[in-house]
Amino acid sequence: MAAILPNLDELPRQNASHVKNRWGDVVRQVQKTGSLAVTNHSTVEMVLLTAATYNQLVEDAQALKAREQSVLDELGRRFDVRLGVLQQPEATAQMGKLFAAKGKLGRRPKAGDTF
């Protein structure tokens, strides 16, 4: 699913003048290598990609967004369930008892069978 792309420093490079003057050669190079860094004064200004690589990047980004939305939806559902419990009529009385205890336990805590 995820497109594996080389690091920007590992891309083949062509300067902008070469891209402008020899577009056909540049297209063939991009089709051969998958991507090409275009430089201006030795600084990468843009990257040319094949249409297939671009489409794969878009699909990967959409899949990631859908996965994130799914996680957010699940968290929202769990929150609503918890909120629903707190909105029950008996929740007020239970919370009142909890606050009235002021941190005191009804019985001594048990650390474990071997302690």
N, C-alpha and C. Protein backbone atom coordinates (compact mmCIF):
# COMPACT_ATOMS: atom_id res chain seq x y z
N MET A 1 0.82 -1.19 0.00
CA MET A 1 0.00 0.00 0.00
C MET A 1 0.86 1.24 0.00
N ALA A 2 1.76 1.37 0.93
CA ALA A 2 2.56 2.59 1.06
C ALA A 2 3.61 2.66 -0.04
N ALA A 3 3.69 3.80 -0.67
CA ALA A 3 4.71 4.01 -1.70
C ALA A 3 6.06 4.18 -1.02
N ILE A 4 7.04 3.44 -1.49
CA ILE A 4 8.38 3.56 -0.94
C ILE A 4 9.16 4.49 -1.86
N LEU A 5 9.47 5.65 -1.34
CA LEU A 5 10.17 6.67 -2.11
C LEU A 5 11.54 6.89 -1.52
N PRO A 6 12.51 7.15 -2.38
CA PRO A 6 13.85 7.43 -1.85
C PRO A 6 13.89 8.78 -1.14
N ASN A 7 14.87 8.92 -0.30
CA ASN A 7 15.10 10.18 0.40
C ASN A 7 15.42 11.26 -0.64
N LEU A 8 15.11 12.50 -0.34
CA LEU A 8 15.32 13.61 -1.27
C LEU A 8 16.79 13.68 -1.72
N ASP A 9 17.71 13.42 -0.80
CA ASP A 9 19.13 13.48 -1.14
C ASP A 9 19.57 12.36 -2.07
N GLU A 10 18.78 11.29 -2.16
CA GLU A 10 19.13 10.14 -2.99
C GLU A 10 18.53 10.20 -4.39
N LEU A 11 17.68 11.18 -4.66
CA LEU A 11 17.04 11.28 -5.97
C LEU A 11 18.03 11.72 -7.04
N PRO A 12 17.84 11.24 -8.27
CA PRO A 12 18.63 11.80 -9.36
C PRO A 12 18.25 13.27 -9.53
N ARG A 13 19.20 14.08 -9.97
CA ARG A 13 18.96 15.53 -10.05
C ARG A 13 19.22 16.06 -11.45
N GLN A 14 18.47 17.07 -11.78
CA GLN A 14 18.68 17.83 -13.01
C GLN A 14 18.43 19.29 -12.68
N ASN A 15 19.22 20.17 -13.29
CA ASN A 15 18.97 21.58 -13.02
C ASN A 15 17.79 22.06 -13.86
N ALA A 16 17.22 23.17 -13.46
CA ALA A 16 16.00 23.68 -14.09
C ALA A 16 16.20 23.98 -15.57
N SER A 17 17.38 24.47 -15.94
CA SER A 17 17.64 24.78 -17.36
C SER A 17 17.59 23.52 -18.20
N HIS A 18 18.16 22.43 -17.69
CA HIS A 18 18.15 21.16 -18.42
C HIS A 18 16.70 20.67 -18.56
N VAL A 19 15.91 20.80 -17.49
CA VAL A 19 14.51 20.37 -17.54
C VAL A 19 13.76 21.17 -18.60
N LYS A 20 14.01 22.47 -18.63
CA LYS A 20 13.33 23.34 -19.60
C LYS A 20 13.74 23.01 -21.03
N ASN A 21 15.03 22.80 -21.26
CA ASN A 21 15.54 22.62 -22.62
C ASN A 21 15.43 21.20 -23.14
N ARG A 22 15.37 20.22 -22.26
CA ARG A 22 15.35 18.82 -22.68
C ARG A 22 14.22 18.06 -22.00
N TRP A 23 13.02 18.58 -22.13
CA TRP A 23 11.87 18.01 -21.45
C TRP A 23 11.66 16.54 -21.78
N GLY A 24 11.82 16.16 -23.03
CA GLY A 24 11.64 14.75 -23.43
C GLY A 24 12.59 13.83 -22.69
N ASP A 25 13.86 14.23 -22.57
CA ASP A 25 14.85 13.42 -21.84
C ASP A 25 14.46 13.33 -20.35
N VAL A 26 13.98 14.43 -19.82
CA VAL A 26 13.58 14.45 -18.41
C VAL A 26 12.41 13.51 -18.17
N VAL A 27 11.42 13.52 -19.05
CA VAL A 27 10.26 12.63 -18.92
C VAL A 27 10.72 11.18 -18.94
N ARG A 28 11.61 10.83 -19.86
CA ARG A 28 12.11 9.46 -19.92
C ARG A 28 12.86 9.08 -18.64
N GLN A 29 13.63 10.01 -18.10
CA GLN A 29 14.37 9.74 -16.87
C GLN A 29 13.41 9.54 -15.70
N VAL A 30 12.36 10.35 -15.61
CA VAL A 30 11.38 10.20 -14.53
C VAL A 30 10.66 8.86 -14.68
N GLN A 31 10.32 8.47 -15.90
CA GLN A 31 9.66 7.19 -16.11
C GLN A 31 10.58 6.03 -15.74
N LYS A 32 11.86 6.22 -15.96
CA LYS A 32 12.84 5.17 -15.64
C LYS A 32 13.10 5.08 -14.14
N THR A 33 13.26 6.21 -13.47
CA THR A 33 13.65 6.21 -12.06
C THR A 33 12.47 6.40 -11.11
N GLY A 34 11.34 6.88 -11.59
CA GLY A 34 10.17 7.10 -10.74
C GLY A 34 10.04 8.52 -10.24
N SER A 35 11.17 9.21 -10.06
CA SER A 35 11.12 10.60 -9.60
C SER A 35 12.44 11.28 -9.92
N LEU A 36 12.41 12.60 -9.90
CA LEU A 36 13.58 13.39 -10.25
C LEU A 36 13.54 14.70 -9.49
N ALA A 37 14.65 15.06 -8.87
CA ALA A 37 14.75 16.34 -8.16
C ALA A 37 15.20 17.40 -9.15
N VAL A 38 14.47 18.51 -9.18
CA VAL A 38 14.83 19.63 -10.05
C VAL A 38 15.50 20.68 -9.18
N THR A 39 16.69 21.09 -9.60
CA THR A 39 17.47 22.02 -8.79
C THR A 39 17.58 23.38 -9.48
N ASN A 40 17.82 24.37 -8.64
CA ASN A 40 18.13 25.70 -9.12
C ASN A 40 19.25 26.20 -8.21
N HIS A 41 20.42 26.46 -8.78
CA HIS A 41 21.61 26.85 -8.02
C HIS A 41 21.92 25.81 -6.93
N SER A 42 21.86 24.53 -7.33
CA SER A 42 22.19 23.38 -6.48
C SER A 42 21.22 23.15 -5.31
N THR A 43 20.11 23.84 -5.31
CA THR A 43 19.11 23.66 -4.27
C THR A 43 17.88 23.00 -4.89
N VAL A 44 17.41 21.91 -4.28
CA VAL A 44 16.23 21.23 -4.80
C VAL A 44 15.02 22.13 -4.59
N GLU A 45 14.33 22.42 -5.68
CA GLU A 45 13.14 23.27 -5.62
C GLU A 45 11.86 22.49 -5.80
N MET A 46 11.92 21.36 -6.50
CA MET A 46 10.73 20.54 -6.69
C MET A 46 11.13 19.13 -7.07
N VAL A 47 10.16 18.24 -7.02
CA VAL A 47 10.38 16.85 -7.40
C VAL A 47 9.32 16.47 -8.42
N LEU A 48 9.77 15.89 -9.50
CA LEU A 48 8.85 15.39 -10.53
C LEU A 48 8.60 13.91 -10.26
N LEU A 49 7.33 13.51 -10.32
CA LEU A 49 6.94 12.13 -10.07
C LEU A 49 6.16 11.59 -11.26
N THR A 50 6.16 10.27 -11.41
CA THR A 50 5.28 9.67 -12.41
C THR A 50 3.85 9.80 -11.90
N ALA A 51 2.90 9.73 -12.81
CA ALA A 51 1.49 9.81 -12.42
C ALA A 51 1.12 8.65 -11.49
N ALA A 52 1.68 7.48 -11.74
CA ALA A 52 1.39 6.31 -10.89
C ALA A 52 1.89 6.54 -9.46
N THR A 53 3.07 7.11 -9.31
CA THR A 53 3.60 7.40 -7.99
C THR A 53 2.74 8.43 -7.28
N TYR A 54 2.34 9.46 -7.99
CA TYR A 54 1.48 10.49 -7.42
C TYR A 54 0.15 9.88 -6.96
N ASN A 55 -0.46 9.05 -7.82
CA ASN A 55 -1.73 8.42 -7.46
C ASN A 55 -1.57 7.54 -6.22
N GLN A 56 -0.44 6.82 -6.12
CA GLN A 56 -0.20 5.98 -4.95
C GLN A 56 -0.07 6.83 -3.69
N LEU A 57 0.61 7.97 -3.79
CA LEU A 57 0.73 8.87 -2.65
C LEU A 57 -0.63 9.39 -2.21
N VAL A 58 -1.48 9.74 -3.16
CA VAL A 58 -2.82 10.22 -2.84
C VAL A 58 -3.63 9.12 -2.17
N GLU A 59 -3.57 7.90 -2.69
CA GLU A 59 -4.29 6.78 -2.09
C GLU A 59 -3.80 6.51 -0.67
N ASP A 60 -2.49 6.54 -0.47
CA ASP A 60 -1.92 6.31 0.86
C ASP A 60 -2.38 7.39 1.84
N ALA A 61 -2.39 8.64 1.39
CA ALA A 61 -2.83 9.74 2.26
C ALA A 61 -4.31 9.59 2.61
N GLN A 62 -5.13 9.19 1.65
CA GLN A 62 -6.56 9.00 1.91
C GLN A 62 -6.79 7.83 2.85
N ALA A 63 -6.02 6.75 2.69
CA ALA A 63 -6.15 5.60 3.58
C ALA A 63 -5.76 5.98 5.00
N LEU A 64 -4.70 6.76 5.14
CA LEU A 64 -4.27 7.21 6.47
C LEU A 64 -5.34 8.09 7.11
N LYS A 65 -5.92 9.00 6.32
CA LYS A 65 -6.97 9.86 6.83
C LYS A 65 -8.18 9.05 7.27
N ALA A 66 -8.54 8.03 6.50
CA ALA A 66 -9.68 7.18 6.86
C ALA A 66 -9.39 6.40 8.13
N ARG A 67 -8.15 5.90 8.28
CA ARG A 67 -7.77 5.18 9.49
C ARG A 67 -7.83 6.10 10.71
N GLU A 68 -7.33 7.30 10.56
CA GLU A 68 -7.38 8.28 11.66
C GLU A 68 -8.82 8.60 12.03
N GLN A 69 -9.67 8.78 11.03
CA GLN A 69 -11.08 9.08 11.30
C GLN A 69 -11.75 7.92 12.01
N SER A 70 -11.40 6.69 11.63
CA SER A 70 -11.95 5.51 12.29
C SER A 70 -11.56 5.48 13.77
N VAL A 71 -10.30 5.80 14.07
CA VAL A 71 -9.85 5.83 15.46
C VAL A 71 -10.58 6.93 16.23
N LEU A 72 -10.72 8.10 15.62
CA LEU A 72 -11.44 9.19 16.27
C LEU A 72 -12.91 8.83 16.51
N ASP A 73 -13.53 8.17 15.55
CA ASP A 73 -14.92 7.75 15.71
C ASP A 73 -15.06 6.76 16.87
N GLU A 74 -14.12 5.82 16.98
CA GLU A 74 -14.15 4.85 18.08
C GLU A 74 -13.96 5.54 19.42
N LEU A 75 -13.02 6.48 19.51
CA LEU A 75 -12.83 7.22 20.75
C LEU A 75 -14.08 8.03 21.11
N GLY A 76 -14.70 8.63 20.12
CA GLY A 76 -15.93 9.37 20.35
C GLY A 76 -17.04 8.47 20.86
N ARG A 77 -17.13 7.26 20.29
CA ARG A 77 -18.15 6.30 20.74
C ARG A 77 -17.91 5.89 22.19
N ARG A 78 -16.63 5.60 22.52
CA ARG A 78 -16.30 5.21 23.90
C ARG A 78 -16.58 6.36 24.88
N PHE A 79 -16.28 7.58 24.48
CA PHE A 79 -16.56 8.74 25.31
C PHE A 79 -18.06 8.87 25.57
N ASP A 80 -18.85 8.71 24.50
CA ASP A 80 -20.31 8.82 24.64
C ASP A 80 -20.86 7.76 25.59
N VAL A 81 -20.29 6.54 25.55
CA VAL A 81 -20.72 5.48 26.46
C VAL A 81 -20.41 5.88 27.90
N ARG A 82 -19.21 6.37 28.15
CA ARG A 82 -18.84 6.79 29.50
C ARG A 82 -19.67 7.97 29.98
N LEU A 83 -19.90 8.91 29.10
CA LEU A 83 -20.73 10.06 29.44
C LEU A 83 -22.15 9.62 29.76
N GLY A 84 -22.65 8.64 29.01
CA GLY A 84 -23.98 8.12 29.26
C GLY A 84 -24.10 7.51 30.65
N VAL A 85 -23.04 6.83 31.09
CA VAL A 85 -23.05 6.25 32.44
C VAL A 85 -23.11 7.37 33.49
N LEU A 86 -22.37 8.43 33.27
CA LEU A 86 -22.36 9.54 34.22
C LEU A 86 -23.69 10.30 34.24
N GLN A 87 -24.46 10.20 33.19
CA GLN A 87 -25.72 10.92 33.13
C GLN A 87 -26.90 10.11 33.66
N GLN A 88 -26.64 8.89 34.14
CA GLN A 88 -27.70 8.07 34.74
C GLN A 88 -28.13 8.70 36.07
N PRO A 89 -29.39 8.54 36.47
CA PRO A 89 -29.87 9.15 37.72
C PRO A 89 -29.08 8.71 38.95
N GLU A 90 -28.67 7.45 39.02
CA GLU A 90 -27.95 6.97 40.21
C GLU A 90 -26.49 7.43 40.25
N ALA A 91 -25.98 7.97 39.16
CA ALA A 91 -24.59 8.42 39.11
C ALA A 91 -24.36 9.58 40.07
N THR A 92 -25.33 10.46 40.22
CA THR A 92 -25.17 11.61 41.11
C THR A 92 -24.96 11.15 42.55
N ALA A 93 -25.75 10.16 42.98
CA ALA A 93 -25.61 9.65 44.35
C ALA A 93 -24.27 8.96 44.53
N GLN A 94 -23.85 8.19 43.54
CA GLN A 94 -22.57 7.49 43.64
C GLN A 94 -21.40 8.47 43.67
N MET A 95 -21.48 9.51 42.88
CA MET A 95 -20.42 10.53 42.89
C MET A 95 -20.41 11.27 44.23
N GLY A 96 -21.58 11.52 44.80
CA GLY A 96 -21.67 12.16 46.11
C GLY A 96 -21.00 11.33 47.18
N LYS A 97 -21.22 10.00 47.15
CA LYS A 97 -20.58 9.10 48.11
C LYS A 97 -19.06 9.12 47.93
N LEU A 98 -18.62 9.14 46.69
CA LEU A 98 -17.19 9.15 46.40
C LEU A 98 -16.53 10.41 46.94
N PHE A 99 -17.15 11.56 46.73
CA PHE A 99 -16.59 12.82 47.22
C PHE A 99 -16.68 12.92 48.75
N ALA A 100 -17.70 12.34 49.33
CA ALA A 100 -17.86 12.38 50.79
C ALA A 100 -16.79 11.55 51.48
N ALA A 101 -16.26 10.54 50.82
CA ALA A 101 -15.23 9.68 51.41
C ALA A 101 -13.93 10.46 51.63
N LYS A 102 -13.71 11.51 50.89
CA LYS A 102 -12.53 12.38 51.02
C LYS A 102 -11.22 11.60 51.05
N GLY A 103 -11.13 10.61 50.17
CA GLY A 103 -9.88 9.86 50.04
C GLY A 103 -9.71 8.75 51.05
N LYS A 104 -10.68 8.51 51.92
CA LYS A 104 -10.58 7.45 52.91
C LYS A 104 -11.18 6.17 52.34
N LEU A 105 -10.48 5.06 52.60
CA LEU A 105 -10.95 3.78 52.10
C LEU A 105 -11.84 3.11 53.15
N GLY A 106 -12.78 2.33 52.69
CA GLY A 106 -13.67 1.61 53.59
C GLY A 106 -12.96 0.46 54.29
N ARG A 107 -11.97 -0.11 53.63
CA ARG A 107 -11.19 -1.20 54.23
C ARG A 107 -9.73 -1.04 53.85
N ARG A 108 -8.89 -1.75 54.52
CA ARG A 108 -7.45 -1.67 54.29
C ARG A 108 -7.10 -2.30 52.94
N PRO A 109 -6.23 -1.66 52.15
CA PRO A 109 -5.87 -2.24 50.86
C PRO A 109 -5.03 -3.51 51.03
N LYS A 110 -5.21 -4.42 50.09
CA LYS A 110 -4.46 -5.67 50.11
C LYS A 110 -3.39 -5.58 49.03
N ALA A 111 -2.13 -5.79 49.44
CA ALA A 111 -1.02 -5.65 48.50
C ALA A 111 -0.81 -6.93 47.69
N GLY A 112 -1.32 -8.05 48.14
CA GLY A 112 -1.13 -9.29 47.43
C GLY A 112 -1.06 -10.46 48.40
N ASP A 113 -1.15 -11.67 47.89
CA ASP A 113 -1.15 -12.85 48.74
C ASP A 113 0.18 -13.06 49.46
N THR A 114 1.29 -12.68 48.85
CA THR A 114 2.60 -12.95 49.45
C THR A 114 3.16 -11.79 50.23
N PHE A 115 2.47 -10.70 50.33
CA PHE A 115 3.02 -9.53 51.00
C PHE A 115 2.75 -9.58 52.48
